[in-house]
Amino acid sequence: VFRYEKEHADDFVLIHFIGTTPDSGSHVGLLRRIMLELKLRFGLAGEVPSRPDQVCAAFSEWLVRPATRGRIVLVLDALNQIDPRDDAEHLGWLPPVFPRNVRLIVSTLPGPALDALQRRDWMERTEPLTVQPLTMDERRDVARQFLAAYGRALSPSLLDRVVAAGQTGNPLFLRVMLDELRVIGEHRNLSKQVDAYLTCPDPAGLYVQVIARWIRAYSEDRDLVAGSLRLLSVARRGLSESEL
């Protein structure tokens, strides 16, 4: 997408990463952001509505007007993380038809959002791309480059064990594991830690081990990790360092 944006400077490309901030998962906030960006780029007249029902009702019209002036590419990443309030995960807020000069690219995991997409005829006209696990060569390159950025490296035998594990085909699993390995201070513990992490079947299990390490690392204050995570879990929009 970023390469396309660079090579097609005249096109309007908007990328929205759902789930990266507390507000990014709101379908109303997403539509308003697109409308505000279109207003700025194309100098559209009129004010962008703020009431949720007005935003959803006006969105199609706000796409039609600028679409006559140039190509518009909307990229929505992690559609499965949209806030489920008002049945938003069923995508009723997305227009059933887009103007000819508008392209919509989305990514999603299996679930209500993907089911909703499959019920539309979009999937019949555009072949979906299924993201495959990282190959072993890709895992090796990622591991070497990531650790090298921090002045770290794994021995050939340890690197082979990491690369050969099926779980590391998941980019999130590999990234979290490498991040843990880079902060382990004692080299002699690396092999043991690699084996422990590779007992985890998925990223969720790996995060359990990561949190357990945090608890061990800050054992002088027994409630520091658990208390901090409890506060974050109940905070509506996250917490700043000073708030914590």
C-alpha atoms as a PDB file:
ATOM      1  CA  VAL A   1       0.000   0.000   0.000  1.00  0.00           C
ATOM      2  CA  PHE A   2       2.777   2.422   0.898  1.00  0.00           C
ATOM      3  CA  ARG A   3       4.545   1.642  -2.382  1.00  0.00           C
ATOM      4  CA  TYR A   4       1.307   2.241  -4.292  1.00  0.00           C
ATOM      5  CA  GLU A   5       0.827   5.552  -2.485  1.00  0.00           C
ATOM      6  CA  LYS A   6       4.342   6.632  -3.462  1.00  0.00           C
ATOM      7  CA  GLU A   7       3.921   5.571  -7.088  1.00  0.00           C
ATOM      8  CA  HIS A   8       0.445   7.149  -7.464  1.00  0.00           C
ATOM      9  CA  ALA A   9       0.847  10.521  -5.817  1.00  0.00           C
ATOM     10  CA  ASP A  10      -2.312  11.873  -7.481  1.00  0.00           C
ATOM     11  CA  ASP A  11      -4.522   9.226  -5.860  1.00  0.00           C
ATOM     12  CA  PHE A  12      -6.027   9.836  -2.445  1.00  0.00           C
ATOM     13  CA  VAL A  13      -4.946   6.918  -0.228  1.00  0.00           C
ATOM     14  CA  LEU A  14      -6.229   6.681   3.335  1.00  0.00           C
ATOM     15  CA  ILE A  15      -5.035   3.914   5.666  1.00  0.00           C
ATOM     16  CA  HIS A  16      -6.860   3.262   8.931  1.00  0.00           C
ATOM     17  CA  PHE A  17      -5.450   0.792  11.472  1.00  0.00           C
ATOM     18  CA  ILE A  18      -8.333  -0.403  13.622  1.00  0.00           C
ATOM     19  CA  GLY A  19      -7.424  -1.196  17.203  1.00  0.00           C
ATOM     20  CA  THR A  20      -4.249   0.868  17.428  1.00  0.00           C
ATOM     21  CA  THR A  21      -5.931   3.524  19.583  1.00  0.00           C
ATOM     22  CA  PRO A  22      -9.092   3.482  21.739  1.00  0.00           C
ATOM     23  CA  ASP A  23     -10.961   5.626  19.178  1.00  0.00           C
ATOM     24  CA  SER A  24      -9.803   3.740  16.086  1.00  0.00           C
ATOM     25  CA  GLY A  25     -12.309   0.921  16.604  1.00  0.00           C
ATOM     26  CA  SER A  26     -15.406   3.118  16.436  1.00  0.00           C
ATOM     27  CA  HIS A  27     -17.160   2.755  13.105  1.00  0.00           C
ATOM     28  CA  VAL A  28     -18.615   6.256  13.476  1.00  0.00           C
ATOM     29  CA  GLY A  29     -15.199   7.695  14.253  1.00  0.00           C
ATOM     30  CA  LEU A  30     -13.758   5.830  11.258  1.00  0.00           C
ATOM     31  CA  LEU A  31     -16.366   7.212   8.859  1.00  0.00           C
ATOM     32  CA  ARG A  32     -15.946  10.743  10.243  1.00  0.00           C
ATOM     33  CA  ARG A  33     -12.193  10.526   9.827  1.00  0.00           C
ATOM     34  CA  ILE A  34     -12.588   9.525   6.167  1.00  0.00           C
ATOM     35  CA  MET A  35     -15.056  12.347   5.574  1.00  0.00           C
ATOM     36  CA  LEU A  36     -12.836  14.934   7.262  1.00  0.00           C
ATOM     37  CA  GLU A  37      -9.832  13.776   5.218  1.00  0.00           C
ATOM     38  CA  LEU A  38     -11.882  13.966   2.003  1.00  0.00           C
ATOM     39  CA  LYS A  39     -13.087  17.453   2.902  1.00  0.00           C
ATOM     40  CA  LEU A  40      -9.498  18.589   3.460  1.00  0.00           C
ATOM     41  CA  ARG A  41      -8.060  16.938   0.339  1.00  0.00           C
ATOM     42  CA  PHE A  42     -10.801  17.931  -2.112  1.00  0.00           C
ATOM     43  CA  GLY A  43     -12.036  21.157  -0.511  1.00  0.00           C
ATOM     44  CA  LEU A  44     -15.570  19.840  -0.103  1.00  0.00           C
ATOM     45  CA  ALA A  45     -18.273  22.244   1.014  1.00  0.00           C
ATOM     46  CA  GLY A  46     -20.415  21.623   4.067  1.00  0.00           C
ATOM     47  CA  GLU A  47     -19.684  20.468   7.584  1.00  0.00           C
ATOM     48  CA  VAL A  48     -19.025  16.852   8.452  1.00  0.00           C
ATOM     49  CA  PRO A  49     -21.916  15.646  10.649  1.00  0.00           C
ATOM     50  CA  SER A  50     -21.209  14.563  14.201  1.00  0.00           C
ATOM     51  CA  ARG A  51     -24.328  12.620  15.196  1.00  0.00           C
ATOM     52  CA  PRO A  52     -23.796   8.871  14.600  1.00  0.00           C
ATOM     53  CA  ASP A  53     -26.983   8.412  12.575  1.00  0.00           C
ATOM     54  CA  GLN A  54     -26.172  11.433  10.392  1.00  0.00           C
ATOM     55  CA  VAL A  55     -22.595  10.258   9.812  1.00  0.00           C
ATOM     56  CA  CYS A  56     -23.688   6.844   8.546  1.00  0.00           C
ATOM     57  CA  ALA A  57     -26.458   8.320   6.398  1.00  0.00           C
ATOM     58  CA  ALA A  58     -24.194  10.923   4.765  1.00  0.00           C
ATOM     59  CA  PHE A  59     -21.120   8.768   4.165  1.00  0.00           C
ATOM     60  CA  SER A  60     -22.073   7.513   0.712  1.00  0.00           C
ATOM     61  CA  GLU A  61     -22.719  11.054  -0.546  1.00  0.00           C
ATOM     62  CA  TRP A  62     -19.352  12.206   0.813  1.00  0.00           C
ATOM     63  CA  LEU A  63     -17.698   9.490  -1.267  1.00  0.00           C
ATOM     64  CA  VAL A  64     -19.607  10.285  -4.470  1.00  0.00           C
ATOM     65  CA  ARG A  65     -18.626  13.963  -4.644  1.00  0.00           C
ATOM     66  CA  PRO A  66     -14.809  13.614  -4.592  1.00  0.00           C
ATOM     67  CA  ALA A  67     -14.824  10.378  -6.607  1.00  0.00           C
ATOM     68  CA  THR A  68     -15.460  12.445  -9.750  1.00  0.00           C
ATOM     69  CA  ARG A  69     -12.167  14.286  -9.225  1.00  0.00           C
ATOM     70  CA  GLY A  70      -9.751  11.406  -8.733  1.00  0.00           C
ATOM     71  CA  ARG A  71      -9.194   7.859  -7.528  1.00  0.00           C
ATOM     72  CA  ILE A  72      -9.804   7.162  -3.843  1.00  0.00           C
ATOM     73  CA  VAL A  73      -8.253   4.143  -2.109  1.00  0.00           C
ATOM     74  CA  LEU A  74      -9.478   3.282   1.391  1.00  0.00           C
ATOM     75  CA  VAL A  75      -7.490   0.696   3.363  1.00  0.00           C
ATOM     76  CA  LEU A  76      -9.054  -0.646   6.578  1.00  0.00           C
ATOM     77  CA  ASP A  77      -6.741  -2.916   8.541  1.00  0.00           C
ATOM     78  CA  ALA A  78      -8.038  -5.407  11.158  1.00  0.00           C
ATOM     79  CA  LEU A  79     -11.730  -4.987  10.421  1.00  0.00           C
ATOM     80  CA  ASN A  80     -12.399  -7.783  12.924  1.00  0.00           C
ATOM     81  CA  GLN A  81     -11.364  -5.390  15.716  1.00  0.00           C
ATOM     82  CA  ILE A  82     -14.164  -2.917  15.052  1.00  0.00           C
ATOM     83  CA  ASP A  83     -16.103  -2.046  18.210  1.00  0.00           C
ATOM     84  CA  PRO A  84     -19.116  -4.426  18.229  1.00  0.00           C
ATOM     85  CA  ARG A  85     -21.526  -1.848  19.633  1.00  0.00           C
ATOM     86  CA  ASP A  86     -24.600  -1.267  17.450  1.00  0.00           C
ATOM     87  CA  ASP A  87     -23.787  -4.531  15.614  1.00  0.00           C
ATOM     88  CA  ALA A  88     -20.931  -2.747  13.850  1.00  0.00           C
ATOM     89  CA  GLU A  89     -19.095  -6.044  13.279  1.00  0.00           C
ATOM     90  CA  HIS A  90     -21.811  -6.963  10.755  1.00  0.00           C
ATOM     91  CA  LEU A  91     -20.741  -3.965   8.627  1.00  0.00           C
ATOM     92  CA  GLY A  92     -24.138  -2.412   8.077  1.00  0.00           C
ATOM     93  CA  TRP A  93     -22.399   0.979   8.239  1.00  0.00           C
ATOM     94  CA  LEU A  94     -20.398   0.251   5.079  1.00  0.00           C
ATOM     95  CA  PRO A  95     -22.222   1.204   1.863  1.00  0.00           C
ATOM     96  CA  PRO A  96     -23.355  -1.819  -0.193  1.00  0.00           C
ATOM     97  CA  VAL A  97     -22.044  -0.118  -3.347  1.00  0.00           C
ATOM     98  CA  PHE A  98     -19.067   2.217  -3.799  1.00  0.00           C
ATOM     99  CA  PRO A  99     -18.528   4.777  -6.580  1.00  0.00           C
ATOM    100  CA  ARG A 100     -16.611   3.463  -9.591  1.00  0.00           C
ATOM    101  CA  ASN A 101     -13.500   5.473  -8.738  1.00  0.00           C
ATOM    102  CA  VAL A 102     -13.319   4.287  -5.111  1.00  0.00           C
ATOM    103  CA  ARG A 103     -11.392   1.174  -4.093  1.00  0.00           C
ATOM    104  CA  LEU A 104     -11.812  -0.464  -0.682  1.00  0.00           C
ATOM    105  CA  ILE A 105      -9.145  -2.816   0.691  1.00  0.00           C
ATOM    106  CA  VAL A 106      -9.750  -4.530   4.030  1.00  0.00           C
ATOM    107  CA  SER A 107      -8.036  -7.118   6.184  1.00  0.00           C
ATOM    108  CA  THR A 108      -9.820  -9.258   8.752  1.00  0.00           C
ATOM    109  CA  LEU A 109      -9.638 -12.496  10.676  1.00  0.00           C
ATOM    110  CA  PRO A 110     -12.417 -15.089  10.385  1.00  0.00           C
ATOM    111  CA  GLY A 111     -15.552 -13.993  12.223  1.00  0.00           C
ATOM    112  CA  PRO A 112     -18.625 -11.762  11.825  1.00  0.00           C
ATOM    113  CA  ALA A 113     -16.817  -9.162   9.709  1.00  0.00           C
ATOM    114  CA  LEU A 114     -15.549 -11.738   7.204  1.00  0.00           C
ATOM    115  CA  ASP A 115     -18.972 -13.424   7.150  1.00  0.00           C
ATOM    116  CA  ALA A 116     -20.577 -10.064   6.365  1.00  0.00           C
ATOM    117  CA  LEU A 117     -18.125  -9.461   3.528  1.00  0.00           C
ATOM    118  CA  GLN A 118     -18.792 -12.904   2.074  1.00  0.00           C
ATOM    119  CA  ARG A 119     -22.533 -12.198   2.004  1.00  0.00           C
ATOM    120  CA  ARG A 120     -21.893  -9.306  -0.361  1.00  0.00           C
ATOM    121  CA  ASP A 121     -20.962  -9.837  -3.982  1.00  0.00           C
ATOM    122  CA  TRP A 122     -17.627  -8.063  -3.518  1.00  0.00           C
ATOM    123  CA  MET A 123     -15.867 -11.372  -2.881  1.00  0.00           C
ATOM    124  CA  GLU A 124     -17.137 -12.756  -6.175  1.00  0.00           C
ATOM    125  CA  ARG A 125     -15.656  -9.860  -8.150  1.00  0.00           C
ATOM    126  CA  THR A 126     -12.338  -9.653  -6.273  1.00  0.00           C
ATOM    127  CA  GLU A 127     -10.291 -12.691  -5.338  1.00  0.00           C
ATOM    128  CA  PRO A 128      -9.443 -12.485  -1.609  1.00  0.00           C
ATOM    129  CA  LEU A 129      -5.838 -12.906  -0.545  1.00  0.00           C
ATOM    130  CA  THR A 130      -5.224 -15.248   2.373  1.00  0.00           C
ATOM    131  CA  VAL A 131      -2.112 -14.308   4.333  1.00  0.00           C
ATOM    132  CA  GLN A 132       0.089 -17.372   4.718  1.00  0.00           C
ATOM    133  CA  PRO A 133       2.456 -18.119   7.639  1.00  0.00           C
ATOM    134  CA  LEU A 134       6.011 -16.871   7.358  1.00  0.00           C
ATOM    135  CA  THR A 135       8.330 -19.237   5.523  1.00  0.00           C
ATOM    136  CA  MET A 136      11.387 -20.552   7.348  1.00  0.00           C
ATOM    137  CA  ASP A 137      13.654 -18.252   5.327  1.00  0.00           C
ATOM    138  CA  GLU A 138      11.456 -15.271   6.222  1.00  0.00           C
ATOM    139  CA  ARG A 139      11.535 -16.205   9.909  1.00  0.00           C
ATOM    140  CA  ARG A 140      15.327 -16.445   9.820  1.00  0.00           C
ATOM    141  CA  ASP A 141      15.666 -13.047   8.153  1.00  0.00           C
ATOM    142  CA  VAL A 142      13.226 -11.421  10.587  1.00  0.00           C
ATOM    143  CA  ALA A 143      15.008 -12.881  13.606  1.00  0.00           C
ATOM    144  CA  ARG A 144      18.459 -11.830  12.446  1.00  0.00           C
ATOM    145  CA  GLN A 145      17.462  -8.310  11.476  1.00  0.00           C
ATOM    146  CA  PHE A 146      15.350  -7.684  14.578  1.00  0.00           C
ATOM    147  CA  LEU A 147      18.003  -8.854  17.033  1.00  0.00           C
ATOM    148  CA  ALA A 148      20.812  -7.116  15.125  1.00  0.00           C
ATOM    149  CA  ALA A 149      18.997  -3.804  15.596  1.00  0.00           C
ATOM    150  CA  TYR A 150      19.625  -4.246  19.336  1.00  0.00           C
ATOM    151  CA  GLY A 151      23.150  -5.601  19.000  1.00  0.00           C
ATOM    152  CA  ARG A 152      22.007  -9.136  19.777  1.00  0.00           C
ATOM    153  CA  ALA A 153      22.145 -12.467  17.947  1.00  0.00           C
ATOM    154  CA  LEU A 154      21.249 -16.107  18.483  1.00  0.00           C
ATOM    155  CA  SER A 155      23.691 -18.956  17.994  1.00  0.00           C
ATOM    156  CA  PRO A 156      23.101 -20.975  14.804  1.00  0.00           C
ATOM    157  CA  SER A 157      21.636 -23.890  16.782  1.00  0.00           C
ATOM    158  CA  LEU A 158      19.218 -21.666  18.742  1.00  0.00           C
ATOM    159  CA  LEU A 159      18.207 -19.811  15.599  1.00  0.00           C
ATOM    160  CA  ASP A 160      17.483 -23.117  13.874  1.00  0.00           C
ATOM    161  CA  ARG A 161      15.207 -24.182  16.754  1.00  0.00           C
ATOM    162  CA  VAL A 162      13.289 -20.920  16.623  1.00  0.00           C
ATOM    163  CA  VAL A 163      12.921 -21.019  12.843  1.00  0.00           C
ATOM    164  CA  ALA A 164      11.839 -24.678  12.766  1.00  0.00           C
ATOM    165  CA  ALA A 165       9.011 -24.217  15.272  1.00  0.00           C
ATOM    166  CA  GLY A 166       5.590 -24.025  13.642  1.00  0.00           C
ATOM    167  CA  GLN A 167       4.416 -21.311  16.028  1.00  0.00           C
ATOM    168  CA  THR A 168       6.974 -18.815  14.718  1.00  0.00           C
ATOM    169  CA  GLY A 169       5.238 -18.848  11.357  1.00  0.00           C
ATOM    170  CA  ASN A 170       2.847 -16.443  13.099  1.00  0.00           C
ATOM    171  CA  PRO A 171       4.487 -12.976  12.866  1.00  0.00           C
ATOM    172  CA  LEU A 172       3.048 -11.882  16.229  1.00  0.00           C
ATOM    173  CA  PHE A 173       4.372 -14.966  18.006  1.00  0.00           C
ATOM    174  CA  LEU A 174       7.810 -14.502  16.450  1.00  0.00           C
ATOM    175  CA  ARG A 175       7.928 -10.784  17.246  1.00  0.00           C
ATOM    176  CA  VAL A 176       6.944 -11.252  20.897  1.00  0.00           C
ATOM    177  CA  MET A 177       9.388 -14.116  21.356  1.00  0.00           C
ATOM    178  CA  LEU A 178      12.283 -12.190  19.833  1.00  0.00           C
ATOM    179  CA  ASP A 179      11.467  -9.184  21.974  1.00  0.00           C
ATOM    180  CA  GLU A 180      11.685 -11.398  25.043  1.00  0.00           C
ATOM    181  CA  LEU A 181      14.956 -13.027  23.983  1.00  0.00           C
ATOM    182  CA  ARG A 182      16.639  -9.684  23.423  1.00  0.00           C
ATOM    183  CA  VAL A 183      16.061  -8.578  27.035  1.00  0.00           C
ATOM    184  CA  ILE A 184      17.283 -11.754  28.713  1.00  0.00           C
ATOM    185  CA  GLY A 185      20.509 -10.692  30.366  1.00  0.00           C
ATOM    186  CA  GLU A 186      22.196 -14.051  30.939  1.00  0.00           C
ATOM    187  CA  HIS A 187      23.256 -15.825  27.771  1.00  0.00           C
ATOM    188  CA  ARG A 188      23.297 -19.232  29.458  1.00  0.00           C
ATOM    189  CA  ASN A 189      19.551 -18.949  30.067  1.00  0.00           C
ATOM    190  CA  LEU A 190      18.710 -18.383  26.414  1.00  0.00           C
ATOM    191  CA  SER A 191      18.427 -22.044  25.465  1.00  0.00           C
ATOM    192  CA  LYS A 192      16.168 -22.800  28.426  1.00  0.00           C
ATOM    193  CA  GLN A 193      14.006 -19.778  27.679  1.00  0.00           C
ATOM    194  CA  VAL A 194      13.680 -20.677  24.002  1.00  0.00           C
ATOM    195  CA  ASP A 195      12.464 -24.155  24.956  1.00  0.00           C
ATOM    196  CA  ALA A 196       9.966 -22.684  27.428  1.00  0.00           C
ATOM    197  CA  TYR A 197       8.529 -20.230  24.928  1.00  0.00           C
ATOM    198  CA  LEU A 198       8.215 -22.898  22.254  1.00  0.00           C
ATOM    199  CA  THR A 199       5.950 -24.947  24.524  1.00  0.00           C
ATOM    200  CA  CYS A 200       3.309 -22.264  23.943  1.00  0.00           C
ATOM    201  CA  PRO A 201       0.911 -23.188  21.127  1.00  0.00           C
ATOM    202  CA  ASP A 202      -0.093 -19.631  20.192  1.00  0.00           C
ATOM    203  CA  PRO A 203       0.496 -15.931  20.983  1.00  0.00           C
ATOM    204  CA  ALA A 204      -2.047 -15.987  23.831  1.00  0.00           C
ATOM    205  CA  GLY A 205      -0.087 -18.714  25.624  1.00  0.00           C
ATOM    206  CA  LEU A 206       3.146 -16.870  24.967  1.00  0.00           C
ATOM    207  CA  TYR A 207       1.783 -13.690  26.540  1.00  0.00           C
ATOM    208  CA  VAL A 208       0.990 -15.691  29.698  1.00  0.00           C
ATOM    209  CA  GLN A 209       4.684 -16.595  29.952  1.00  0.00           C
ATOM    210  CA  VAL A 210       5.710 -13.015  29.255  1.00  0.00           C
ATOM    211  CA  ILE A 211       3.512 -11.734  32.080  1.00  0.00           C
ATOM    212  CA  ALA A 212       4.917 -14.441  34.356  1.00  0.00           C
ATOM    213  CA  ARG A 213       8.412 -13.156  33.593  1.00  0.00           C
ATOM    214  CA  TRP A 214       7.343  -9.617  34.420  1.00  0.00           C
ATOM    215  CA  ILE A 215       6.059 -10.831  37.786  1.00  0.00           C
ATOM    216  CA  ARG A 216       9.368 -12.585  38.515  1.00  0.00           C
ATOM    217  CA  ALA A 217      11.364  -9.542  37.403  1.00  0.00           C
ATOM    218  CA  TYR A 218       9.425  -7.199  39.703  1.00  0.00           C
ATOM    219  CA  SER A 219       8.973  -9.655  42.582  1.00  0.00           C
ATOM    220  CA  GLU A 220       9.993  -7.035  45.150  1.00  0.00           C
ATOM    221  CA  ASP A 221       6.625  -5.382  44.609  1.00  0.00           C
ATOM    222  CA  ARG A 222       4.255  -8.335  44.388  1.00  0.00           C
ATOM    223  CA  ASP A 223       1.284  -6.339  43.124  1.00  0.00           C
ATOM    224  CA  LEU A 224       3.066  -4.085  40.638  1.00  0.00           C
ATOM    225  CA  VAL A 225       2.396  -6.152  37.493  1.00  0.00           C
ATOM    226  CA  ALA A 226      -1.034  -7.477  38.458  1.00  0.00           C
ATOM    227  CA  GLY A 227      -2.174  -4.092  39.756  1.00  0.00           C
ATOM    228  CA  SER A 228      -0.981  -2.261  36.641  1.00  0.00           C
ATOM    229  CA  LEU A 229      -2.655  -4.732  34.296  1.00  0.00           C
ATOM    230  CA  ARG A 230      -5.906  -4.558  36.263  1.00  0.00           C
ATOM    231  CA  LEU A 231      -5.949  -0.785  35.929  1.00  0.00           C
ATOM    232  CA  LEU A 232      -5.277  -0.968  32.193  1.00  0.00           C
ATOM    233  CA  SER A 233      -7.978  -3.582  31.673  1.00  0.00           C
ATOM    234  CA  VAL A 234     -10.725  -1.452  33.229  1.00  0.00           C
ATOM    235  CA  ALA A 235      -9.589   1.903  31.784  1.00  0.00           C
ATOM    236  CA  ARG A 236     -11.911   3.093  29.046  1.00  0.00           C
ATOM    237  CA  ARG A 237      -9.195   4.717  26.938  1.00  0.00           C
ATOM    238  CA  GLY A 238      -5.948   3.444  28.414  1.00  0.00           C
ATOM    239  CA  LEU A 239      -3.764   5.211  30.965  1.00  0.00           C
ATOM    240  CA  SER A 240      -0.772   7.524  30.712  1.00  0.00           C
ATOM    241  CA  GLU A 241       2.387   6.873  32.719  1.00  0.00           C
ATOM    242  CA  SER A 242       1.530   9.678  35.134  1.00  0.00           C
ATOM    243  CA  GLU A 243      -1.967   8.226  35.663  1.00  0.00           C
ATOM    244  CA  LEU A 244      -0.517   4.818  36.449  1.00  0.00           C
END
